Amino acid sequence: MDFDAGLSRRARAFVAGHGVRLPVPSLEPMRARWLRDGIPAEQIDRAEAFHERWGGLCLPPSPCYDGGPRTFHADFPEWRPGAGWLFDAGTTRTALPYGFAIGPAGEFGLDGNEWSPLHASVEGWVESLALAAHATRWASRTTRLTGDAAEDFSLDGCVQIPEVAGLADTWWRGDGTLVAVHRGEARACAFPPYRTTLVHSGLADRDLAGLG
């Protein structure tokens, strides 16, 4: 399966160099049962489309959310009051108080006490992983801020990086810095101390080329 559509050159290289595609069973055998369970056909179609493109893809872990999904894998669509139709996006790497899900408009996010969309698309999540790998490799220093300190960090003079399609999570380019703002877990768990900001500093101009 070609993952290039909708990804930046950096993200395409990241998936090609670090992604592994494992075989996963088709969802088609589940369709008849899901229809009998009252799941609308269009929601099953959405899950199948995600599964056909992304199913079985394993990527390096995220620095937050205990690494993110171990493997992309669609599963049973469910209706969430206040959120709409969600379906599972993949298996977790560790025990977590939330799962990873795809939202009604294709958002990638956390399904916990609250639905917390991180990115407006799966591609946005992949872009964020590619940026995290890039920043970790080239930054001379990474500072992790949590809770109120994460919220108080000033983004003045920074430019948001659009490729990540940020919702609860965003990436920003500053002077010699890349800043990752993670609010998804705090919202999914309704626990503000989980707010996290990662500041990658000491980056050269060449390391920031094409961002923002």
C-alpha atoms as a PDB file:
ATOM      1  CA  MET A   1       0.000   0.000   0.000  1.00  0.00           C
ATOM      2  CA  ASP A   2       1.271   3.483  -0.912  1.00  0.00           C
ATOM      3  CA  PHE A   3       1.257   5.790   2.129  1.00  0.00           C
ATOM      4  CA  ASP A   4       2.607   8.843   0.297  1.00  0.00           C
ATOM      5  CA  ALA A   5      -0.716  10.585  -0.402  1.00  0.00           C
ATOM      6  CA  GLY A   6      -1.151  13.655   1.776  1.00  0.00           C
ATOM      7  CA  LEU A   7       2.249  13.386   3.476  1.00  0.00           C
ATOM      8  CA  SER A   8       5.171  15.786   3.332  1.00  0.00           C
ATOM      9  CA  ARG A   9       8.518  14.658   1.976  1.00  0.00           C
ATOM     10  CA  ARG A  10       9.847  14.371   5.521  1.00  0.00           C
ATOM     11  CA  ALA A  11       6.937  12.162   6.607  1.00  0.00           C
ATOM     12  CA  ARG A  12       7.188   9.999   3.483  1.00  0.00           C
ATOM     13  CA  ALA A  13      10.871   9.381   4.200  1.00  0.00           C
ATOM     14  CA  PHE A  14      10.047   8.637   7.848  1.00  0.00           C
ATOM     15  CA  VAL A  15       7.453   6.008   6.951  1.00  0.00           C
ATOM     16  CA  ALA A  16       9.661   4.462   4.257  1.00  0.00           C
ATOM     17  CA  GLY A  17      12.699   4.314   6.525  1.00  0.00           C
ATOM     18  CA  HIS A  18      11.124   3.395   9.859  1.00  0.00           C
ATOM     19  CA  GLY A  19       7.688   1.929   9.185  1.00  0.00           C
ATOM     20  CA  VAL A  20       6.918  -1.780   9.071  1.00  0.00           C
ATOM     21  CA  ARG A  21       3.737  -3.185   7.506  1.00  0.00           C
ATOM     22  CA  LEU A  22       2.404  -6.342   9.127  1.00  0.00           C
ATOM     23  CA  PRO A  23      -0.372  -8.492   7.667  1.00  0.00           C
ATOM     24  CA  VAL A  24      -3.792  -7.877   9.198  1.00  0.00           C
ATOM     25  CA  PRO A  25      -7.083  -9.653   8.481  1.00  0.00           C
ATOM     26  CA  SER A  26      -9.704  -7.947   6.343  1.00  0.00           C
ATOM     27  CA  LEU A  27     -12.710  -6.341   8.030  1.00  0.00           C
ATOM     28  CA  GLU A  28     -15.069  -7.610   5.325  1.00  0.00           C
ATOM     29  CA  PRO A  29     -16.077 -10.749   7.270  1.00  0.00           C
ATOM     30  CA  MET A  30     -17.269  -8.457  10.079  1.00  0.00           C
ATOM     31  CA  ARG A  31     -19.570  -6.352   7.889  1.00  0.00           C
ATOM     32  CA  ALA A  32     -22.693  -8.531   8.080  1.00  0.00           C
ATOM     33  CA  ARG A  33     -22.479  -8.839  11.872  1.00  0.00           C
ATOM     34  CA  TRP A  34     -21.870  -5.115  12.325  1.00  0.00           C
ATOM     35  CA  LEU A  35     -24.859  -4.301  10.133  1.00  0.00           C
ATOM     36  CA  ARG A  36     -27.019  -6.612  12.253  1.00  0.00           C
ATOM     37  CA  ASP A  37     -25.724  -4.755  15.319  1.00  0.00           C
ATOM     38  CA  GLY A  38     -27.113  -1.535  13.881  1.00  0.00           C
ATOM     39  CA  ILE A  39     -23.898   0.102  12.712  1.00  0.00           C
ATOM     40  CA  PRO A  40     -24.595   2.272   9.630  1.00  0.00           C
ATOM     41  CA  ALA A  41     -23.018   1.032   6.402  1.00  0.00           C
ATOM     42  CA  GLU A  42     -21.211   4.351   5.864  1.00  0.00           C
ATOM     43  CA  GLN A  43     -19.445   3.970   9.214  1.00  0.00           C
ATOM     44  CA  ILE A  44     -18.295   0.489   8.274  1.00  0.00           C
ATOM     45  CA  ASP A  45     -17.077   1.895   4.950  1.00  0.00           C
ATOM     46  CA  ARG A  46     -15.018   4.499   6.834  1.00  0.00           C
ATOM     47  CA  ALA A  47     -13.427   1.850   9.027  1.00  0.00           C
ATOM     48  CA  GLU A  48     -12.646  -0.347   6.024  1.00  0.00           C
ATOM     49  CA  ALA A  49     -11.083   2.556   4.103  1.00  0.00           C
ATOM     50  CA  PHE A  50      -8.826   3.359   7.070  1.00  0.00           C
ATOM     51  CA  HIS A  51      -7.967  -0.299   7.497  1.00  0.00           C
ATOM     52  CA  GLU A  52      -7.088  -0.781   3.842  1.00  0.00           C
ATOM     53  CA  ARG A  53      -4.709   2.167   3.812  1.00  0.00           C
ATOM     54  CA  TRP A  54      -3.168   2.095   7.274  1.00  0.00           C
ATOM     55  CA  GLY A  55      -3.927  -1.317   8.757  1.00  0.00           C
ATOM     56  CA  GLY A  56      -0.841  -3.180   9.967  1.00  0.00           C
ATOM     57  CA  LEU A  57       1.484  -0.171   9.817  1.00  0.00           C
ATOM     58  CA  CYS A  58       3.876   0.024  12.777  1.00  0.00           C
ATOM     59  CA  LEU A  59       5.759   3.281  13.361  1.00  0.00           C
ATOM     60  CA  PRO A  60       8.323   4.343  15.980  1.00  0.00           C
ATOM     61  CA  PRO A  61       6.783   5.494  19.263  1.00  0.00           C
ATOM     62  CA  SER A  62       5.634   8.991  20.047  1.00  0.00           C
ATOM     63  CA  PRO A  63       7.305  10.747  22.993  1.00  0.00           C
ATOM     64  CA  CYS A  64       3.826  11.119  24.547  1.00  0.00           C
ATOM     65  CA  TYR A  65       0.750   8.922  24.983  1.00  0.00           C
ATOM     66  CA  ASP A  66       3.063   6.050  25.933  1.00  0.00           C
ATOM     67  CA  GLY A  67       4.186   5.861  22.340  1.00  0.00           C
ATOM     68  CA  GLY A  68       0.853   5.907  20.522  1.00  0.00           C
ATOM     69  CA  PRO A  69      -0.621   2.895  18.703  1.00  0.00           C
ATOM     70  CA  ARG A  70       1.663  -0.077  18.322  1.00  0.00           C
ATOM     71  CA  THR A  71      -0.063  -1.008  15.077  1.00  0.00           C
ATOM     72  CA  PHE A  72      -2.826   0.716  13.121  1.00  0.00           C
ATOM     73  CA  HIS A  73      -5.886  -1.514  13.085  1.00  0.00           C
ATOM     74  CA  ALA A  74      -9.530  -0.519  12.652  1.00  0.00           C
ATOM     75  CA  ASP A  75     -12.217  -2.106  14.798  1.00  0.00           C
ATOM     76  CA  PHE A  76     -15.868  -1.874  15.881  1.00  0.00           C
ATOM     77  CA  PRO A  77     -17.424   1.578  15.224  1.00  0.00           C
ATOM     78  CA  GLU A  78     -19.324   2.975  18.197  1.00  0.00           C
ATOM     79  CA  TRP A  79     -21.484   6.030  18.819  1.00  0.00           C
ATOM     80  CA  ARG A  80     -20.164   8.410  21.480  1.00  0.00           C
ATOM     81  CA  PRO A  81     -22.617  11.036  22.794  1.00  0.00           C
ATOM     82  CA  GLY A  82     -21.246  14.487  22.104  1.00  0.00           C
ATOM     83  CA  ALA A  83     -18.637  13.125  19.701  1.00  0.00           C
ATOM     84  CA  GLY A  84     -20.381  11.022  17.064  1.00  0.00           C
ATOM     85  CA  TRP A  85     -19.224   7.802  15.455  1.00  0.00           C
ATOM     86  CA  LEU A  86     -15.705   6.673  16.424  1.00  0.00           C
ATOM     87  CA  PHE A  87     -13.795   3.521  15.599  1.00  0.00           C
ATOM     88  CA  ASP A  88     -10.615   2.107  17.107  1.00  0.00           C
ATOM     89  CA  ALA A  89      -7.433   3.123  15.327  1.00  0.00           C
ATOM     90  CA  GLY A  90      -4.981   0.616  16.750  1.00  0.00           C
ATOM     91  CA  THR A  91      -3.607  -1.322  19.671  1.00  0.00           C
ATOM     92  CA  THR A  92      -1.914   0.473  22.572  1.00  0.00           C
ATOM     93  CA  ARG A  93       1.658  -0.304  23.599  1.00  0.00           C
ATOM     94  CA  THR A  94       0.870  -0.171  27.330  1.00  0.00           C
ATOM     95  CA  ALA A  95      -2.164  -0.080  29.598  1.00  0.00           C
ATOM     96  CA  LEU A  96      -3.766   3.364  29.208  1.00  0.00           C
ATOM     97  CA  PRO A  97      -6.972   5.028  30.457  1.00  0.00           C
ATOM     98  CA  TYR A  98      -7.947   5.742  26.840  1.00  0.00           C
ATOM     99  CA  GLY A  99      -7.726   4.230  23.395  1.00  0.00           C
ATOM    100  CA  PHE A 100      -6.778   5.621  19.992  1.00  0.00           C
ATOM    101  CA  ALA A 101      -9.655   6.315  17.652  1.00  0.00           C
ATOM    102  CA  ILE A 102     -10.719   7.915  14.395  1.00  0.00           C
ATOM    103  CA  GLY A 103     -13.414  10.569  14.700  1.00  0.00           C
ATOM    104  CA  PRO A 104     -16.449  11.355  12.557  1.00  0.00           C
ATOM    105  CA  ALA A 105     -14.496  13.707  10.269  1.00  0.00           C
ATOM    106  CA  GLY A 106     -11.384  11.520  10.083  1.00  0.00           C
ATOM    107  CA  GLU A 107      -9.666  13.028  13.120  1.00  0.00           C
ATOM    108  CA  PHE A 108      -7.029  11.009  14.973  1.00  0.00           C
ATOM    109  CA  GLY A 109      -7.409  11.221  18.734  1.00  0.00           C
ATOM    110  CA  LEU A 110      -7.906   9.751  22.173  1.00  0.00           C
ATOM    111  CA  ASP A 111     -11.107   8.061  23.293  1.00  0.00           C
ATOM    112  CA  GLY A 112     -11.128   8.399  27.090  1.00  0.00           C
ATOM    113  CA  ASN A 113     -13.432  10.081  29.562  1.00  0.00           C
ATOM    114  CA  GLU A 114     -13.825  12.612  26.763  1.00  0.00           C
ATOM    115  CA  TRP A 115     -13.193  12.369  23.012  1.00  0.00           C
ATOM    116  CA  SER A 116     -10.008  14.357  22.431  1.00  0.00           C
ATOM    117  CA  PRO A 117      -9.013  14.726  18.748  1.00  0.00           C
ATOM    118  CA  LEU A 118      -5.264  15.345  18.445  1.00  0.00           C
ATOM    119  CA  HIS A 119      -4.999  15.927  14.697  1.00  0.00           C
ATOM    120  CA  ALA A 120      -7.534  16.568  11.951  1.00  0.00           C
ATOM    121  CA  SER A 121      -6.268  13.484  10.078  1.00  0.00           C
ATOM    122  CA  VAL A 122      -4.194  10.342  10.442  1.00  0.00           C
ATOM    123  CA  GLU A 123      -1.644  12.048   8.200  1.00  0.00           C
ATOM    124  CA  GLY A 124      -1.307  14.755  10.859  1.00  0.00           C
ATOM    125  CA  TRP A 125      -0.380  12.143  13.470  1.00  0.00           C
ATOM    126  CA  VAL A 126       2.215  10.635  11.125  1.00  0.00           C
ATOM    127  CA  GLU A 127       3.624  14.119  10.446  1.00  0.00           C
ATOM    128  CA  SER A 128       3.943  14.684  14.190  1.00  0.00           C
ATOM    129  CA  LEU A 129       5.874  11.426  14.601  1.00  0.00           C
ATOM    130  CA  ALA A 130       8.200  12.406  11.758  1.00  0.00           C
ATOM    131  CA  LEU A 131       8.829  15.804  13.353  1.00  0.00           C
ATOM    132  CA  ALA A 132       9.474  14.220  16.747  1.00  0.00           C
ATOM    133  CA  ALA A 133      12.058  11.881  15.226  1.00  0.00           C
ATOM    134  CA  HIS A 134      13.680  14.781  13.356  1.00  0.00           C
ATOM    135  CA  ALA A 135      13.773  17.064  16.401  1.00  0.00           C
ATOM    136  CA  THR A 136      15.130  14.333  18.689  1.00  0.00           C
ATOM    137  CA  ARG A 137      17.925  13.596  16.235  1.00  0.00           C
ATOM    138  CA  TRP A 138      19.091  17.156  15.564  1.00  0.00           C
ATOM    139  CA  ALA A 139      18.253  19.252  18.627  1.00  0.00           C
ATOM    140  CA  SER A 140      21.068  19.842  21.079  1.00  0.00           C
ATOM    141  CA  ARG A 141      18.611  19.989  23.979  1.00  0.00           C
ATOM    142  CA  THR A 142      15.021  18.946  24.708  1.00  0.00           C
ATOM    143  CA  THR A 143      13.128  20.422  27.650  1.00  0.00           C
ATOM    144  CA  ARG A 144       9.894  18.839  28.888  1.00  0.00           C
ATOM    145  CA  LEU A 145       7.406  21.135  30.607  1.00  0.00           C
ATOM    146  CA  THR A 146       4.278  19.804  32.279  1.00  0.00           C
ATOM    147  CA  GLY A 147       1.154  21.183  33.916  1.00  0.00           C
ATOM    148  CA  ASP A 148       1.035  24.951  34.383  1.00  0.00           C
ATOM    149  CA  ALA A 149       4.620  25.327  33.147  1.00  0.00           C
ATOM    150  CA  ALA A 150       3.599  23.751  29.838  1.00  0.00           C
ATOM    151  CA  GLU A 151       0.693  26.174  29.517  1.00  0.00           C
ATOM    152  CA  ASP A 152       2.763  29.214  30.448  1.00  0.00           C
ATOM    153  CA  PHE A 153       5.460  28.633  27.835  1.00  0.00           C
ATOM    154  CA  SER A 154       5.336  31.538  25.380  1.00  0.00           C
ATOM    155  CA  LEU A 155       4.899  30.819  21.684  1.00  0.00           C
ATOM    156  CA  ASP A 156       5.400  34.470  20.748  1.00  0.00           C
ATOM    157  CA  GLY A 157       7.415  34.670  17.543  1.00  0.00           C
ATOM    158  CA  CYS A 158       6.715  31.028  16.692  1.00  0.00           C
ATOM    159  CA  VAL A 159       4.901  29.862  13.558  1.00  0.00           C
ATOM    160  CA  GLN A 160       2.535  26.899  13.621  1.00  0.00           C
ATOM    161  CA  ILE A 161       3.488  24.004  11.352  1.00  0.00           C
ATOM    162  CA  PRO A 162       0.394  23.248   9.257  1.00  0.00           C
ATOM    163  CA  GLU A 163       1.277  19.723   8.095  1.00  0.00           C
ATOM    164  CA  VAL A 164       0.409  18.228  11.498  1.00  0.00           C
ATOM    165  CA  ALA A 165      -3.208  19.451  11.151  1.00  0.00           C
ATOM    166  CA  GLY A 166      -3.114  20.252  14.840  1.00  0.00           C
ATOM    167  CA  LEU A 167      -6.146  20.218  17.117  1.00  0.00           C
ATOM    168  CA  ALA A 168      -5.294  19.352  20.732  1.00  0.00           C
ATOM    169  CA  ASP A 169      -1.675  18.784  19.642  1.00  0.00           C
ATOM    170  CA  THR A 170       0.300  21.332  17.630  1.00  0.00           C
ATOM    171  CA  TRP A 171       3.866  21.895  16.447  1.00  0.00           C
ATOM    172  CA  TRP A 172       5.570  25.261  16.203  1.00  0.00           C
ATOM    173  CA  ARG A 173       8.768  26.584  14.644  1.00  0.00           C
ATOM    174  CA  GLY A 174      10.760  29.258  16.469  1.00  0.00           C
ATOM    175  CA  ASP A 175      14.246  30.711  16.273  1.00  0.00           C
ATOM    176  CA  GLY A 176      16.394  27.582  16.381  1.00  0.00           C
ATOM    177  CA  THR A 177      13.570  25.629  18.038  1.00  0.00           C
ATOM    178  CA  LEU A 178      10.778  23.187  17.387  1.00  0.00           C
ATOM    179  CA  VAL A 179       8.040  23.156  19.987  1.00  0.00           C
ATOM    180  CA  ALA A 180       5.538  20.312  20.411  1.00  0.00           C
ATOM    181  CA  VAL A 181       2.402  21.199  22.381  1.00  0.00           C
ATOM    182  CA  HIS A 182       0.459  18.183  23.692  1.00  0.00           C
ATOM    183  CA  ARG A 183      -2.944  18.784  25.283  1.00  0.00           C
ATOM    184  CA  GLY A 184      -4.781  15.636  24.217  1.00  0.00           C
ATOM    185  CA  GLU A 185      -4.179  13.512  27.289  1.00  0.00           C
ATOM    186  CA  ALA A 186      -5.175  16.341  29.652  1.00  0.00           C
ATOM    187  CA  ARG A 187      -8.476  16.710  27.780  1.00  0.00           C
ATOM    188  CA  ALA A 188      -9.183  12.992  27.388  1.00  0.00           C
ATOM    189  CA  CYS A 189      -8.614  12.397  31.097  1.00  0.00           C
ATOM    190  CA  ALA A 190      -9.949  15.777  32.288  1.00  0.00           C
ATOM    191  CA  PHE A 191      -6.682  16.236  34.212  1.00  0.00           C
ATOM    192  CA  PRO A 192      -4.813  19.503  33.457  1.00  0.00           C
ATOM    193  CA  PRO A 193      -1.475  18.364  34.967  1.00  0.00           C
ATOM    194  CA  TYR A 194      -1.098  16.042  31.948  1.00  0.00           C
ATOM    195  CA  ARG A 195      -0.493  19.067  29.694  1.00  0.00           C
ATOM    196  CA  THR A 196       2.969  18.739  28.124  1.00  0.00           C
ATOM    197  CA  THR A 197       5.177  20.984  26.016  1.00  0.00           C
ATOM    198  CA  LEU A 198       8.431  19.711  24.504  1.00  0.00           C
ATOM    199  CA  VAL A 199      10.935  22.386  23.494  1.00  0.00           C
ATOM    200  CA  HIS A 200      13.642  21.158  21.097  1.00  0.00           C
ATOM    201  CA  SER A 201      16.358  23.804  20.909  1.00  0.00           C
ATOM    202  CA  GLY A 202      19.741  24.317  19.271  1.00  0.00           C
ATOM    203  CA  LEU A 203      18.528  23.486  15.762  1.00  0.00           C
ATOM    204  CA  ALA A 204      20.385  24.905  12.763  1.00  0.00           C
ATOM    205  CA  ASP A 205      18.607  26.673   9.908  1.00  0.00           C
ATOM    206  CA  ARG A 206      19.031  23.611   7.702  1.00  0.00           C
ATOM    207  CA  ASP A 207      17.201  21.514  10.325  1.00  0.00           C
ATOM    208  CA  LEU A 208      14.231  23.894  10.162  1.00  0.00           C
ATOM    209  CA  ALA A 209      14.117  24.298   6.387  1.00  0.00           C
ATOM    210  CA  GLY A 210      10.638  23.886   4.941  1.00  0.00           C
ATOM    211  CA  LEU A 211       8.846  24.056   8.282  1.00  0.00           C
ATOM    212  CA  GLY A 212       6.305  26.786   8.956  1.00  0.00           C
END
